[in-house]
Amino acid sequence: MNLVRAELERLSARRFVQLMVVLLALAFAVTAATTLAGSHKPTPSELSTARAQAAEARQSMENHFQQCQARKNGTLPSSDELYYPSDCSEIDPIRQDRLPIAADFLPGVFSFAQQARPLLYFLIAFLVLFGFLVGASYIGADLNSGGVVNLLLWRPRRMTVLGVKLGTLLGTVLALAVTASLAYLATFWVIGQTAGLAGRLGGDFWRSLGAVHGRGLVLVLLASALGFAIATLGRHTSAALGAVAAYAVVWELGARLVLQIVDAPRPDQLMLSSYIGAWLSGEARFYDGQLCRGDSVGGGFCEGFYSLTWAPALVVLLVLTGGLTAAAFAVFRRRDLI
């Protein structure tokens, strides 16, 4: 009997995996039904009013920018009614990431172009949880129940058995994640076309959404491998759950609070959640008041923000997952399984 086929059958037959798939489908259905019930196709009158409001908002931004320039040049007296930054380019409409559009002024209308990314983030978060829990339970239950020992009696090659288990897990999770995400986005695209607003779906939009989708799939695979590795090291599913809970409470909450109390520089760089966010979104910005101490004394302008980009975030995630996976294989090779 083929080892890969046997592992696929074992994985698909697990009740926990089936339950997680049902929960995934249920969350999918509830989200789609809620969106459909809360949206409607905008009438021509609503569209016309929304376009006028969007144009007025863009003009207001342009006027504010021109007034900032005039005050900086001394042709406009100072006023306390409006805030003007020291650098007027900060409010230059041309430099803004996004300008007001008609969809911003259509309450109760689902816009696929605006909501696709937040909806995709929601699905990725669920799939990350799914991959981690399935990966941990898949190997943890076998180690705890003696299933791995029985398997090794049939195929007495530890590294091959563990490698096939990991490969089967990652392949199955990837196939499910791709299928679910494509069906998910297609459903909301149809809702936007029939009971809402499609929005501007140009090449830049699809490239940006595809980049988030690709990074999300990588994160799902890393989470699956991480759950698998920790459960292998701890010989139980609860080892992976306990490790994550302990990390979240002790480090993400406790250590973060201590670092803030002692005023440590750039504490977010020490948190795994920061790198996950930076990888998924492409870049994450964090505030650190210490960056502006020298500038505040000299009277200069300082934002106080620093960035984490996707490249170093990916390196951190790969090193962490790869290191724990390698340790799991090394321990499994020498461990007494009885």
Protein backbone atom coordinates (compact mmCIF):
# COMPACT_ATOMS: atom_id res chain seq x y z
CA MET A 1 0.00 0.00 0.00
CA ASN A 2 1.33 3.45 -0.90
CA LEU A 3 2.43 5.40 2.19
CA VAL A 4 1.21 8.76 0.87
CA ARG A 5 -2.23 7.37 0.04
CA ALA A 6 -2.43 5.74 3.46
CA GLU A 7 -1.61 9.04 5.18
CA LEU A 8 -4.15 10.91 3.07
CA GLU A 9 -6.82 8.44 4.14
CA ARG A 10 -5.78 8.71 7.79
CA LEU A 11 -5.82 12.51 7.67
CA SER A 12 -9.18 12.81 5.92
CA ALA A 13 -10.75 10.25 8.25
CA ARG A 14 -9.93 12.20 11.43
CA ARG A 15 -13.06 13.59 13.05
CA PHE A 16 -11.25 16.72 14.18
CA VAL A 17 -10.24 17.52 10.60
CA GLN A 18 -13.79 16.94 9.43
CA LEU A 19 -15.10 19.18 12.21
CA MET A 20 -12.69 21.98 11.26
CA VAL A 21 -13.77 21.71 7.61
CA VAL A 22 -17.41 21.97 8.68
CA LEU A 23 -16.61 25.03 10.82
CA LEU A 24 -14.77 26.58 7.87
CA ALA A 25 -17.79 26.04 5.62
CA LEU A 26 -20.12 27.37 8.32
CA ALA A 27 -18.05 30.54 8.84
CA PHE A 28 -17.96 30.98 5.06
CA ALA A 29 -21.74 30.61 4.75
CA VAL A 30 -22.55 32.91 7.68
CA THR A 31 -20.23 35.64 6.39
CA ALA A 32 -21.65 35.44 2.87
CA ALA A 33 -25.27 35.36 4.07
CA THR A 34 -24.73 38.31 6.42
CA THR A 35 -23.09 40.34 3.67
CA LEU A 36 -25.84 39.51 1.19
CA ALA A 37 -28.60 40.38 3.68
CA GLY A 38 -27.00 43.71 4.58
CA SER A 39 -26.36 44.94 1.04
CA HIS A 40 -28.41 46.19 -1.89
CA LYS A 41 -27.83 47.34 -5.44
CA PRO A 42 -27.41 51.14 -5.40
CA THR A 43 -29.94 53.13 -7.39
CA PRO A 44 -28.83 55.71 -9.98
CA SER A 45 -29.91 58.45 -7.56
CA GLU A 46 -27.76 57.00 -4.77
CA LEU A 47 -24.78 56.71 -7.11
CA SER A 48 -25.16 60.29 -8.30
CA THR A 49 -25.35 61.63 -4.75
CA ALA A 50 -22.38 59.53 -3.64
CA ARG A 51 -20.24 60.70 -6.56
CA ALA A 52 -21.04 64.32 -5.72
CA GLN A 53 -20.11 63.78 -2.07
CA ALA A 54 -16.87 62.09 -3.05
CA ALA A 55 -15.96 64.95 -5.39
CA GLU A 56 -16.73 67.45 -2.63
CA ALA A 57 -14.52 65.54 -0.17
CA ARG A 58 -11.62 65.46 -2.65
CA GLN A 59 -12.01 69.18 -3.28
CA SER A 60 -12.00 69.84 0.47
CA MET A 61 -8.71 67.96 0.76
CA GLU A 62 -7.25 70.02 -2.08
CA ASN A 63 -8.42 73.28 -0.46
CA HIS A 64 -6.89 72.27 2.87
CA PHE A 65 -3.59 71.53 1.15
CA GLN A 66 -3.61 74.88 -0.68
CA GLN A 67 -4.36 76.73 2.56
CA CYS A 68 -1.46 74.94 4.25
CA GLN A 69 0.83 76.06 1.44
CA ALA A 70 -0.47 79.61 1.67
CA ARG A 71 0.06 79.76 5.43
CA LYS A 72 3.57 78.41 5.03
CA ASN A 73 4.33 81.12 2.43
CA GLY A 74 2.90 83.80 4.72
CA THR A 75 -0.02 84.73 2.49
CA LEU A 76 -2.60 83.27 4.88
CA PRO A 77 -2.87 84.36 8.53
CA SER A 78 -2.54 81.70 11.22
CA SER A 79 -5.74 80.14 12.48
CA ASP A 80 -6.45 77.82 15.37
CA GLU A 81 -9.60 76.43 13.75
CA LEU A 82 -7.80 74.08 11.36
CA TYR A 83 -4.74 71.94 11.90
CA TYR A 84 -1.89 72.38 9.43
CA PRO A 85 1.16 70.12 9.66
CA SER A 86 4.65 71.58 9.47
CA ASP A 87 5.18 69.63 6.24
CA CYS A 88 2.27 70.34 3.89
CA SER A 89 3.17 67.37 1.69
CA GLU A 90 1.64 65.15 4.38
CA ILE A 91 -1.84 66.30 3.34
CA ASP A 92 -1.15 66.59 -0.39
CA PRO A 93 -4.00 64.66 -2.06
CA ILE A 94 -1.64 63.40 -4.76
CA ARG A 95 0.54 61.67 -2.15
CA GLN A 96 -2.32 59.98 -0.29
CA ASP A 97 -2.66 56.22 -0.52
CA ARG A 98 -6.34 56.54 -1.20
CA LEU A 99 -8.77 59.33 -2.08
CA PRO A 100 -12.52 59.42 -1.28
CA ILE A 101 -14.64 57.53 -3.79
CA ALA A 102 -18.36 57.08 -4.30
CA ALA A 103 -18.41 53.76 -2.43
CA ASP A 104 -17.40 55.60 0.76
CA PHE A 105 -20.74 57.40 0.71
CA LEU A 106 -22.99 54.43 0.03
CA PRO A 107 -24.00 53.01 3.42
CA GLY A 108 -25.57 49.59 3.26
CA VAL A 109 -23.92 48.76 -0.07
CA PHE A 110 -21.27 46.05 -0.23
CA SER A 111 -18.25 47.07 -2.34
CA PHE A 112 -16.07 44.18 -3.44
CA ALA A 113 -13.12 46.44 -4.26
CA GLN A 114 -13.15 47.88 -0.73
CA GLN A 115 -14.02 44.77 1.28
CA ALA A 116 -12.13 42.03 -0.57
CA ARG A 117 -8.88 42.52 1.36
CA PRO A 118 -10.44 42.60 4.88
CA LEU A 119 -12.51 39.54 3.98
CA LEU A 120 -9.41 37.75 2.73
CA TYR A 121 -7.57 38.61 5.96
CA PHE A 122 -10.43 37.04 7.91
CA LEU A 123 -10.24 33.84 5.86
CA ILE A 124 -6.45 33.65 6.17
CA ALA A 125 -6.71 33.99 9.96
CA PHE A 126 -9.14 31.08 10.06
CA LEU A 127 -6.96 28.98 7.75
CA VAL A 128 -3.87 29.70 9.88
CA LEU A 129 -5.76 28.46 12.94
CA PHE A 130 -7.02 25.50 10.93
CA GLY A 131 -3.54 24.55 9.73
CA PHE A 132 -1.94 24.85 13.15
CA LEU A 133 -4.60 22.80 14.94
CA VAL A 134 -4.80 20.12 12.25
CA GLY A 135 -1.01 19.87 12.05
CA ALA A 136 -0.68 19.52 15.81
CA SER A 137 -3.51 16.98 16.19
CA TYR A 138 -2.45 14.95 13.16
CA ILE A 139 0.95 13.94 14.56
CA GLY A 140 0.14 14.47 18.25
CA ALA A 141 -2.72 11.96 18.29
CA ASP A 142 -0.62 9.34 16.48
CA LEU A 143 2.30 9.75 18.88
CA ASN A 144 0.07 9.62 21.94
CA SER A 145 -2.02 6.64 20.81
CA GLY A 146 0.81 4.51 19.41
CA GLY A 147 -0.27 4.92 15.80
CA VAL A 148 3.23 5.93 14.74
CA VAL A 149 4.68 2.77 16.30
CA ASN A 150 2.26 0.61 14.33
CA LEU A 151 3.13 2.50 11.18
CA LEU A 152 6.85 2.00 11.75
CA LEU A 153 6.32 -1.76 12.05
CA TRP A 154 5.05 -1.66 8.47
CA ARG A 155 7.53 0.95 7.17
CA PRO A 156 10.56 0.95 9.56
CA ARG A 157 12.10 4.22 8.34
CA ARG A 158 11.50 7.00 10.79
CA MET A 159 12.59 9.93 8.66
CA THR A 160 10.58 8.71 5.68
CA VAL A 161 7.45 8.21 7.77
CA LEU A 162 7.67 11.60 9.47
CA GLY A 163 8.56 13.34 6.19
CA VAL A 164 5.58 11.78 4.41
CA LYS A 165 3.31 12.81 7.27
CA LEU A 166 4.52 16.40 7.07
CA GLY A 167 4.35 16.48 3.27
CA THR A 168 0.83 15.01 3.28
CA LEU A 169 -0.27 17.57 5.84
CA LEU A 170 1.15 20.53 3.92
CA GLY A 171 -0.19 19.33 0.57
CA THR A 172 -3.68 18.74 1.95
CA VAL A 173 -3.81 22.06 3.78
CA LEU A 174 -2.53 23.92 0.71
CA ALA A 175 -5.12 22.30 -1.58
CA LEU A 176 -7.93 23.09 0.87
CA ALA A 177 -6.70 26.67 1.42
CA VAL A 178 -6.47 27.40 -2.31
CA THR A 179 -9.89 25.90 -3.02
CA ALA A 180 -11.56 27.65 -0.08
CA SER A 181 -10.01 31.05 -0.79
CA LEU A 182 -10.87 31.03 -4.49
CA ALA A 183 -14.46 29.95 -3.80
CA TYR A 184 -14.64 32.56 -1.02
CA LEU A 185 -13.48 35.45 -3.19
CA ALA A 186 -15.60 34.32 -6.14
CA THR A 187 -18.70 34.28 -3.93
CA PHE A 188 -18.17 37.82 -2.71
CA TRP A 189 -17.34 38.98 -6.24
CA VAL A 190 -20.76 37.66 -7.33
CA ILE A 191 -22.39 39.44 -4.36
CA GLY A 192 -20.68 42.66 -5.41
CA GLN A 193 -21.89 42.27 -8.99
CA THR A 194 -25.49 41.33 -8.19
CA ALA A 195 -26.34 42.86 -4.79
CA GLY A 196 -23.76 45.55 -4.26
CA LEU A 197 -21.00 47.41 -6.04
CA ALA A 198 -18.03 45.86 -7.80
CA GLY A 199 -15.82 48.96 -7.52
CA ARG A 200 -12.62 49.56 -9.43
CA LEU A 201 -11.16 46.16 -10.24
CA GLY A 202 -8.14 47.08 -12.34
CA GLY A 203 -4.84 45.33 -12.70
CA ASP A 204 -3.37 47.00 -9.60
CA PHE A 205 -6.25 45.75 -7.48
CA TRP A 206 -5.90 42.13 -8.58
CA ARG A 207 -2.11 42.22 -8.22
CA SER A 208 -2.41 43.59 -4.71
CA LEU A 209 -5.06 41.05 -3.75
CA GLY A 210 -3.06 38.23 -5.32
CA ALA A 211 0.02 39.25 -3.33
CA VAL A 212 -1.97 39.13 -0.07
CA HIS A 213 -3.42 35.77 -1.10
CA GLY A 214 0.01 34.33 -1.87
CA ARG A 215 1.54 35.58 1.38
CA GLY A 216 -1.47 34.24 3.25
CA LEU A 217 -1.02 30.76 1.78
CA VAL A 218 2.65 30.77 2.83
CA LEU A 219 1.60 31.78 6.35
CA VAL A 220 -0.94 28.95 6.47
CA LEU A 221 1.74 26.42 5.48
CA LEU A 222 4.18 27.79 8.06
CA ALA A 223 1.52 27.59 10.78
CA SER A 224 0.73 23.99 9.81
CA ALA A 225 4.40 22.99 9.92
CA LEU A 226 4.85 24.82 13.23
CA GLY A 227 1.95 22.99 14.87
CA PHE A 228 3.28 19.70 13.52
CA ALA A 229 6.81 20.38 14.80
CA ILE A 230 5.82 21.48 18.32
CA ALA A 231 3.45 18.52 18.74
CA THR A 232 6.23 16.18 17.57
CA LEU A 233 8.63 17.62 20.11
CA GLY A 234 6.05 17.42 22.90
CA ARG A 235 4.59 14.06 21.78
CA HIS A 236 1.07 15.40 22.24
CA THR A 237 -1.38 17.82 20.63
CA SER A 238 -1.72 19.71 23.90
CA ALA A 239 2.01 20.50 23.79
CA ALA A 240 1.48 22.71 20.74
CA LEU A 241 -1.60 24.38 22.24
CA GLY A 242 0.18 24.94 25.55
CA ALA A 243 3.27 26.36 23.86
CA VAL A 244 1.25 28.90 21.88
CA ALA A 245 -0.84 29.88 24.91
CA ALA A 246 2.27 30.27 27.06
CA TYR A 247 4.01 32.38 24.42
CA ALA A 248 0.98 34.64 23.99
CA VAL A 249 0.52 35.22 27.73
CA VAL A 250 4.14 35.35 28.87
CA TRP A 251 5.74 37.17 25.96
CA GLU A 252 3.19 38.93 23.78
CA LEU A 253 1.28 40.26 26.80
CA GLY A 254 3.58 40.07 29.81
CA ALA A 255 6.90 40.93 28.21
CA ARG A 256 5.32 43.65 26.08
CA LEU A 257 3.98 45.31 29.24
CA VAL A 258 7.38 45.09 30.95
CA LEU A 259 9.15 46.53 27.90
CA GLN A 260 6.73 49.45 27.86
CA ILE A 261 7.29 50.09 31.57
CA VAL A 262 11.09 50.17 31.20
CA ASP A 263 10.71 52.19 28.00
CA ALA A 264 12.72 49.76 25.88
CA PRO A 265 13.48 50.90 22.32
CA ARG A 266 11.40 49.34 19.53
CA PRO A 267 9.68 46.62 21.57
CA ASP A 268 7.53 45.54 18.62
CA GLN A 269 10.62 44.18 16.89
CA LEU A 270 10.78 41.50 19.58
CA MET A 271 7.23 40.24 19.01
CA LEU A 272 6.40 37.46 16.57
CA SER A 273 2.99 39.02 15.88
CA SER A 274 4.75 42.07 14.41
CA TYR A 275 6.54 39.92 11.85
CA ILE A 276 3.36 38.05 11.00
CA GLY A 277 1.58 41.34 10.35
CA ALA A 278 4.51 42.72 8.34
CA TRP A 279 4.67 39.59 6.17
CA LEU A 280 0.94 39.45 5.53
CA SER A 281 0.46 43.14 4.71
CA GLY A 282 3.85 43.69 3.07
CA GLU A 283 4.88 46.34 5.59
CA ALA A 284 3.96 47.25 9.16
CA ARG A 285 4.59 50.59 10.90
CA PHE A 286 5.14 50.96 14.64
CA TYR A 287 5.52 53.96 16.91
CA ASP A 288 8.51 54.46 19.19
CA GLY A 289 8.66 57.68 21.19
CA GLN A 290 12.42 57.32 21.74
CA LEU A 291 13.05 58.01 18.07
CA CYS A 292 11.93 61.62 18.53
CA ARG A 293 13.76 62.53 21.72
CA GLY A 294 16.72 64.10 19.98
CA ASP A 295 14.55 65.92 17.44
CA SER A 296 12.18 67.29 20.09
CA VAL A 297 15.09 68.90 21.90
CA GLY A 298 16.33 70.54 18.71
CA GLY A 299 12.84 71.57 17.64
CA GLY A 300 12.86 69.44 14.49
CA PHE A 301 9.97 67.47 13.05
CA CYS A 302 9.84 63.74 13.80
CA GLU A 303 7.11 61.20 13.08
CA GLY A 304 8.38 58.59 15.54
CA PHE A 305 7.45 55.65 13.33
CA TYR A 306 9.60 52.83 12.03
CA SER A 307 8.75 50.05 9.60
CA LEU A 308 9.11 46.30 9.28
CA THR A 309 8.99 45.03 5.70
CA TRP A 310 8.02 41.62 4.38
CA ALA A 311 11.59 40.41 3.63
CA PRO A 312 13.00 40.36 7.19
CA ALA A 313 9.61 39.17 8.44
CA LEU A 314 9.77 36.16 6.12
CA VAL A 315 13.32 35.39 7.26
CA VAL A 316 12.22 35.36 10.92
CA LEU A 317 9.22 33.14 10.19
CA LEU A 318 11.27 30.71 8.09
CA VAL A 319 14.06 30.49 10.65
CA LEU A 320 11.60 29.83 13.49
CA THR A 321 9.56 27.23 11.60
CA GLY A 322 12.58 25.61 9.96
CA GLY A 323 14.49 25.41 13.23
CA LEU A 324 11.63 23.79 15.14
CA THR A 325 10.91 21.40 12.27
CA ALA A 326 14.56 20.35 12.07
CA ALA A 327 14.62 19.85 15.84
CA ALA A 328 11.46 17.74 15.63
CA PHE A 329 13.01 15.45 13.01
CA ALA A 330 16.24 15.17 15.01
CA VAL A 331 14.41 14.26 18.22
CA PHE A 332 12.05 11.86 16.45
CA ARG A 333 14.99 10.02 14.93
CA ARG A 334 16.49 9.14 18.33
CA ARG A 335 13.47 9.07 20.60
CA ASP A 336 12.06 5.93 22.23
CA LEU A 337 8.51 5.86 20.94
CA ILE A 338 7.22 3.18 23.30
